[in-house]
Amino acid sequence: MKRTIATLLVALMASLPLSCALAVEQLKIGYVNTQRLFRDAPAAVRAAKKIEQEFAKRDQDLQRLAKQVQGLQESLEKGGPTMAESERRAKEKDLAELSREFQRKQREFREDLNLRQNEENAAIIEKANKAIKQLADSEKYDLIVQDVVWVSPRLDMTEKVIKALSDAKDTK
């Protein structure tokens, strides 16, 4: 009796790797590269252009202000030693005020730009997640991952997601 149980256990243990291998073969896994989605998806390209247009005027104003700061600083460096003390102090004060204003506007610009980019990225991710779920259902994926250290190119389904996002745009 003990010998029969032992033989049965050995046979069961020997077949275990075979059954695990069969289970793994049936598992369907996909990978989506989110950075590529943000770069290549039609919605991402449109969002980038839209944001660029929204912030173009403010960017030009910042560049113009930076040139004013630079010009004032250069004139102070060149003519500073020959200027009257009161004139030099007045220009230094103007330079400090202009520089503070530039830094403030630049900080506000960056904050507003980051906020808009985050809003657009959230909308893109929401659309992409819907497309990924539809692909997972239609193609019977068991697991779809994002943000991994390394993945085999054969598991990469990013192109399918980009195509699904393009098709969704075309139907709207």
C-alpha atoms as a PDB file:
ATOM      1  CA  MET A   1       0.000   0.000   0.000  1.00  0.00           C
ATOM      2  CA  LYS A   2       2.770   2.435   0.925  1.00  0.00           C
ATOM      3  CA  ARG A   3       4.623   1.434  -2.191  1.00  0.00           C
ATOM      4  CA  THR A   4       1.568   2.182  -4.364  1.00  0.00           C
ATOM      5  CA  ILE A   5       1.150   5.618  -2.780  1.00  0.00           C
ATOM      6  CA  ALA A   6       4.854   6.349  -3.241  1.00  0.00           C
ATOM      7  CA  THR A   7       4.695   5.297  -6.900  1.00  0.00           C
ATOM      8  CA  LEU A   8       1.601   7.436  -7.407  1.00  0.00           C
ATOM      9  CA  LEU A   9       3.318  10.468  -5.799  1.00  0.00           C
ATOM     10  CA  VAL A  10       6.425  10.025  -7.972  1.00  0.00           C
ATOM     11  CA  ALA A  11       4.263   9.815 -11.110  1.00  0.00           C
ATOM     12  CA  LEU A  12       2.289  12.889 -10.023  1.00  0.00           C
ATOM     13  CA  MET A  13       5.457  14.888  -9.332  1.00  0.00           C
ATOM     14  CA  ALA A  14       6.964  13.845 -12.653  1.00  0.00           C
ATOM     15  CA  SER A  15       3.897  15.059 -14.562  1.00  0.00           C
ATOM     16  CA  LEU A  16       3.748  18.384 -12.681  1.00  0.00           C
ATOM     17  CA  PRO A  17       6.294  20.252 -14.895  1.00  0.00           C
ATOM     18  CA  LEU A  18       4.443  19.044 -17.992  1.00  0.00           C
ATOM     19  CA  SER A  19       1.089  20.340 -16.728  1.00  0.00           C
ATOM     20  CA  CYS A  20       2.656  23.694 -15.723  1.00  0.00           C
ATOM     21  CA  ALA A  21       4.209  24.046 -19.173  1.00  0.00           C
ATOM     22  CA  LEU A  22       0.831  23.427 -20.809  1.00  0.00           C
ATOM     23  CA  ALA A  23      -0.824  26.010 -18.568  1.00  0.00           C
ATOM     24  CA  VAL A  24       1.808  28.615 -19.422  1.00  0.00           C
ATOM     25  CA  GLU A  25       1.476  27.994 -23.161  1.00  0.00           C
ATOM     26  CA  GLN A  26      -2.222  28.847 -22.996  1.00  0.00           C
ATOM     27  CA  LEU A  27      -1.616  32.153 -21.191  1.00  0.00           C
ATOM     28  CA  LYS A  28      -1.806  35.108 -23.612  1.00  0.00           C
ATOM     29  CA  ILE A  29       0.127  38.189 -22.488  1.00  0.00           C
ATOM     30  CA  GLY A  30       0.455  41.592 -24.151  1.00  0.00           C
ATOM     31  CA  TYR A  31       2.483  44.727 -23.494  1.00  0.00           C
ATOM     32  CA  VAL A  32       1.643  48.378 -24.239  1.00  0.00           C
ATOM     33  CA  ASN A  33       4.371  51.044 -24.405  1.00  0.00           C
ATOM     34  CA  THR A  34       2.719  54.151 -22.929  1.00  0.00           C
ATOM     35  CA  GLN A  35       5.575  56.454 -23.966  1.00  0.00           C
ATOM     36  CA  ARG A  36       5.063  55.399 -27.568  1.00  0.00           C
ATOM     37  CA  LEU A  37       1.320  55.988 -27.225  1.00  0.00           C
ATOM     38  CA  PHE A  38       1.974  59.544 -26.045  1.00  0.00           C
ATOM     39  CA  ARG A  39       4.329  60.083 -28.963  1.00  0.00           C
ATOM     40  CA  ASP A  40       2.589  58.281 -31.866  1.00  0.00           C
ATOM     41  CA  ALA A  41      -1.143  58.055 -31.176  1.00  0.00           C
ATOM     42  CA  PRO A  42      -3.198  60.463 -33.296  1.00  0.00           C
ATOM     43  CA  ALA A  43      -4.895  61.883 -30.199  1.00  0.00           C
ATOM     44  CA  ALA A  44      -1.493  62.581 -28.647  1.00  0.00           C
ATOM     45  CA  VAL A  45      -0.225  64.318 -31.779  1.00  0.00           C
ATOM     46  CA  ARG A  46      -3.377  66.481 -31.939  1.00  0.00           C
ATOM     47  CA  ALA A  47      -3.089  67.303 -28.221  1.00  0.00           C
ATOM     48  CA  ALA A  48       0.551  68.353 -28.600  1.00  0.00           C
ATOM     49  CA  LYS A  49      -0.310  70.671 -31.494  1.00  0.00           C
ATOM     50  CA  LYS A  50      -3.265  72.101 -29.585  1.00  0.00           C
ATOM     51  CA  ILE A  51      -1.125  72.805 -26.511  1.00  0.00           C
ATOM     52  CA  GLU A  52       1.614  74.313 -28.665  1.00  0.00           C
ATOM     53  CA  GLN A  53      -0.907  76.702 -30.220  1.00  0.00           C
ATOM     54  CA  GLU A  54      -2.389  77.597 -26.829  1.00  0.00           C
ATOM     55  CA  PHE A  55       0.987  78.486 -25.341  1.00  0.00           C
ATOM     56  CA  ALA A  56       2.735  79.996 -28.392  1.00  0.00           C
ATOM     57  CA  LYS A  57       1.911  83.620 -27.545  1.00  0.00           C
ATOM     58  CA  ARG A  58       3.007  83.278 -23.926  1.00  0.00           C
ATOM     59  CA  ASP A  59       6.218  81.591 -25.057  1.00  0.00           C
ATOM     60  CA  GLN A  60       6.945  84.470 -27.445  1.00  0.00           C
ATOM     61  CA  ASP A  61       6.270  86.986 -24.649  1.00  0.00           C
ATOM     62  CA  LEU A  62       8.703  85.108 -22.403  1.00  0.00           C
ATOM     63  CA  GLN A  63      11.377  85.098 -25.089  1.00  0.00           C
ATOM     64  CA  ARG A  64      10.898  88.814 -25.632  1.00  0.00           C
ATOM     65  CA  LEU A  65      11.195  89.456 -21.888  1.00  0.00           C
ATOM     66  CA  ALA A  66      14.337  87.294 -21.708  1.00  0.00           C
ATOM     67  CA  LYS A  67      15.905  89.401 -24.480  1.00  0.00           C
ATOM     68  CA  GLN A  68      15.029  92.569 -22.546  1.00  0.00           C
ATOM     69  CA  VAL A  69      16.716  91.178 -19.426  1.00  0.00           C
ATOM     70  CA  GLN A  70      19.756  90.153 -21.440  1.00  0.00           C
ATOM     71  CA  GLY A  71      19.938  93.524 -23.215  1.00  0.00           C
ATOM     72  CA  LEU A  72      19.680  95.450 -19.962  1.00  0.00           C
ATOM     73  CA  GLN A  73      22.331  93.264 -18.379  1.00  0.00           C
ATOM     74  CA  GLU A  74      24.704  93.749 -21.338  1.00  0.00           C
ATOM     75  CA  SER A  75      24.219  97.525 -21.350  1.00  0.00           C
ATOM     76  CA  LEU A  76      24.900  97.582 -17.625  1.00  0.00           C
ATOM     77  CA  GLU A  77      28.067  95.519 -18.052  1.00  0.00           C
ATOM     78  CA  LYS A  78      29.355  97.658 -20.934  1.00  0.00           C
ATOM     79  CA  GLY A  79      28.390 101.098 -19.691  1.00  0.00           C
ATOM     80  CA  GLY A  80      28.354 100.458 -15.947  1.00  0.00           C
ATOM     81  CA  PRO A  81      31.878 101.654 -15.185  1.00  0.00           C
ATOM     82  CA  THR A  82      31.357 104.955 -17.039  1.00  0.00           C
ATOM     83  CA  MET A  83      27.825 105.644 -15.726  1.00  0.00           C
ATOM     84  CA  ALA A  84      26.999 107.937 -12.874  1.00  0.00           C
ATOM     85  CA  GLU A  85      26.443 106.038  -9.615  1.00  0.00           C
ATOM     86  CA  SER A  86      22.723 106.924  -9.419  1.00  0.00           C
ATOM     87  CA  GLU A  87      22.128 105.928 -13.044  1.00  0.00           C
ATOM     88  CA  ARG A  88      23.951 102.605 -12.530  1.00  0.00           C
ATOM     89  CA  ARG A  89      21.895 101.851  -9.391  1.00  0.00           C
ATOM     90  CA  ALA A  90      18.654 102.674 -11.204  1.00  0.00           C
ATOM     91  CA  LYS A  91      19.579 100.307 -14.046  1.00  0.00           C
ATOM     92  CA  GLU A  92      20.568  97.585 -11.555  1.00  0.00           C
ATOM     93  CA  LYS A  93      17.204  98.021  -9.829  1.00  0.00           C
ATOM     94  CA  ASP A  94      15.388  97.832 -13.174  1.00  0.00           C
ATOM     95  CA  LEU A  95      17.362  94.707 -14.076  1.00  0.00           C
ATOM     96  CA  ALA A  96      16.509  93.030 -10.757  1.00  0.00           C
ATOM     97  CA  GLU A  97      12.785  93.836 -11.138  1.00  0.00           C
ATOM     98  CA  LEU A  98      12.699  92.690 -14.760  1.00  0.00           C
ATOM     99  CA  SER A  99      14.580  89.522 -13.856  1.00  0.00           C
ATOM    100  CA  ARG A 100      12.118  88.716 -11.043  1.00  0.00           C
ATOM    101  CA  GLU A 101       9.185  89.338 -13.371  1.00  0.00           C
ATOM    102  CA  PHE A 102      10.743  87.048 -15.992  1.00  0.00           C
ATOM    103  CA  GLN A 103      11.317  84.269 -13.445  1.00  0.00           C
ATOM    104  CA  ARG A 104       7.760  84.580 -12.123  1.00  0.00           C
ATOM    105  CA  LYS A 105       6.233  84.466 -15.594  1.00  0.00           C
ATOM    106  CA  GLN A 106       8.479  81.586 -16.591  1.00  0.00           C
ATOM    107  CA  ARG A 107       7.442  79.587 -13.484  1.00  0.00           C
ATOM    108  CA  GLU A 108       3.736  80.283 -14.153  1.00  0.00           C
ATOM    109  CA  PHE A 109       4.195  79.286 -17.792  1.00  0.00           C
ATOM    110  CA  ARG A 110       5.799  75.954 -16.828  1.00  0.00           C
ATOM    111  CA  GLU A 111       3.112  75.221 -14.237  1.00  0.00           C
ATOM    112  CA  ASP A 112       0.278  75.990 -16.656  1.00  0.00           C
ATOM    113  CA  LEU A 113       1.936  73.992 -19.431  1.00  0.00           C
ATOM    114  CA  ASN A 114       2.440  70.974 -17.157  1.00  0.00           C
ATOM    115  CA  LEU A 115      -1.170  71.181 -15.994  1.00  0.00           C
ATOM    116  CA  ARG A 116      -2.483  71.228 -19.588  1.00  0.00           C
ATOM    117  CA  GLN A 117      -0.187  68.388 -20.628  1.00  0.00           C
ATOM    118  CA  ASN A 118      -1.358  66.304 -17.674  1.00  0.00           C
ATOM    119  CA  GLU A 119      -5.001  66.977 -18.578  1.00  0.00           C
ATOM    120  CA  GLU A 120      -4.447  65.913 -22.184  1.00  0.00           C
ATOM    121  CA  ASN A 121      -2.405  62.866 -21.131  1.00  0.00           C
ATOM    122  CA  ALA A 122      -5.185  61.754 -18.781  1.00  0.00           C
ATOM    123  CA  ALA A 123      -7.688  61.911 -21.641  1.00  0.00           C
ATOM    124  CA  ILE A 124      -5.339  59.935 -23.897  1.00  0.00           C
ATOM    125  CA  ILE A 125      -4.782  57.285 -21.213  1.00  0.00           C
ATOM    126  CA  GLU A 126      -8.528  56.975 -20.687  1.00  0.00           C
ATOM    127  CA  LYS A 127      -9.103  56.396 -24.415  1.00  0.00           C
ATOM    128  CA  ALA A 128      -6.150  54.007 -24.606  1.00  0.00           C
ATOM    129  CA  ASN A 129      -7.404  51.984 -21.634  1.00  0.00           C
ATOM    130  CA  LYS A 130     -10.783  51.563 -23.334  1.00  0.00           C
ATOM    131  CA  ALA A 131      -9.063  50.441 -26.545  1.00  0.00           C
ATOM    132  CA  ILE A 132      -6.829  48.048 -24.580  1.00  0.00           C
ATOM    133  CA  LYS A 133      -9.840  46.509 -22.825  1.00  0.00           C
ATOM    134  CA  GLN A 134     -11.627  46.043 -26.144  1.00  0.00           C
ATOM    135  CA  LEU A 135      -8.530  44.395 -27.639  1.00  0.00           C
ATOM    136  CA  ALA A 136      -8.144  42.191 -24.573  1.00  0.00           C
ATOM    137  CA  ASP A 137     -11.736  41.014 -24.902  1.00  0.00           C
ATOM    138  CA  SER A 138     -11.717  40.521 -28.659  1.00  0.00           C
ATOM    139  CA  GLU A 139      -8.315  38.794 -28.840  1.00  0.00           C
ATOM    140  CA  LYS A 140      -8.668  36.850 -25.566  1.00  0.00           C
ATOM    141  CA  TYR A 141      -5.664  38.282 -23.684  1.00  0.00           C
ATOM    142  CA  ASP A 142      -5.156  37.025 -20.136  1.00  0.00           C
ATOM    143  CA  LEU A 143      -2.807  39.807 -19.072  1.00  0.00           C
ATOM    144  CA  ILE A 144      -1.743  43.168 -20.527  1.00  0.00           C
ATOM    145  CA  VAL A 145       1.057  45.097 -18.805  1.00  0.00           C
ATOM    146  CA  GLN A 146       2.557  48.568 -19.055  1.00  0.00           C
ATOM    147  CA  ASP A 147       5.797  50.074 -17.724  1.00  0.00           C
ATOM    148  CA  VAL A 148       8.111  47.072 -17.586  1.00  0.00           C
ATOM    149  CA  VAL A 149      11.889  46.847 -17.490  1.00  0.00           C
ATOM    150  CA  TRP A 150      12.102  44.638 -20.564  1.00  0.00           C
ATOM    151  CA  VAL A 151       9.634  42.869 -22.826  1.00  0.00           C
ATOM    152  CA  SER A 152       9.937  40.703 -25.891  1.00  0.00           C
ATOM    153  CA  PRO A 153       8.876  42.545 -29.066  1.00  0.00           C
ATOM    154  CA  ARG A 154       6.476  39.700 -29.914  1.00  0.00           C
ATOM    155  CA  LEU A 155       4.354  40.658 -26.873  1.00  0.00           C
ATOM    156  CA  ASP A 156       4.226  44.349 -27.812  1.00  0.00           C
ATOM    157  CA  MET A 157       0.690  45.257 -28.849  1.00  0.00           C
ATOM    158  CA  THR A 158       1.222  49.043 -28.843  1.00  0.00           C
ATOM    159  CA  GLU A 159       0.718  49.273 -32.604  1.00  0.00           C
ATOM    160  CA  LYS A 160      -2.682  47.573 -32.286  1.00  0.00           C
ATOM    161  CA  VAL A 161      -3.719  50.070 -29.611  1.00  0.00           C
ATOM    162  CA  ILE A 162      -2.553  53.015 -31.741  1.00  0.00           C
ATOM    163  CA  LYS A 163      -4.513  51.609 -34.681  1.00  0.00           C
ATOM    164  CA  ALA A 164      -7.593  51.146 -32.472  1.00  0.00           C
ATOM    165  CA  LEU A 165      -7.292  54.755 -31.295  1.00  0.00           C
ATOM    166  CA  SER A 166      -6.957  55.895 -34.930  1.00  0.00           C
ATOM    167  CA  ASP A 167     -10.014  53.881 -35.954  1.00  0.00           C
ATOM    168  CA  ALA A 168     -12.000  55.299 -33.031  1.00  0.00           C
ATOM    169  CA  LYS A 169     -11.091  58.826 -34.163  1.00  0.00           C
ATOM    170  CA  ASP A 170     -12.140  58.098 -37.741  1.00  0.00           C
ATOM    171  CA  THR A 171     -15.598  56.884 -36.683  1.00  0.00           C
ATOM    172  CA  LYS A 172     -16.305  60.008 -34.645  1.00  0.00           C
END
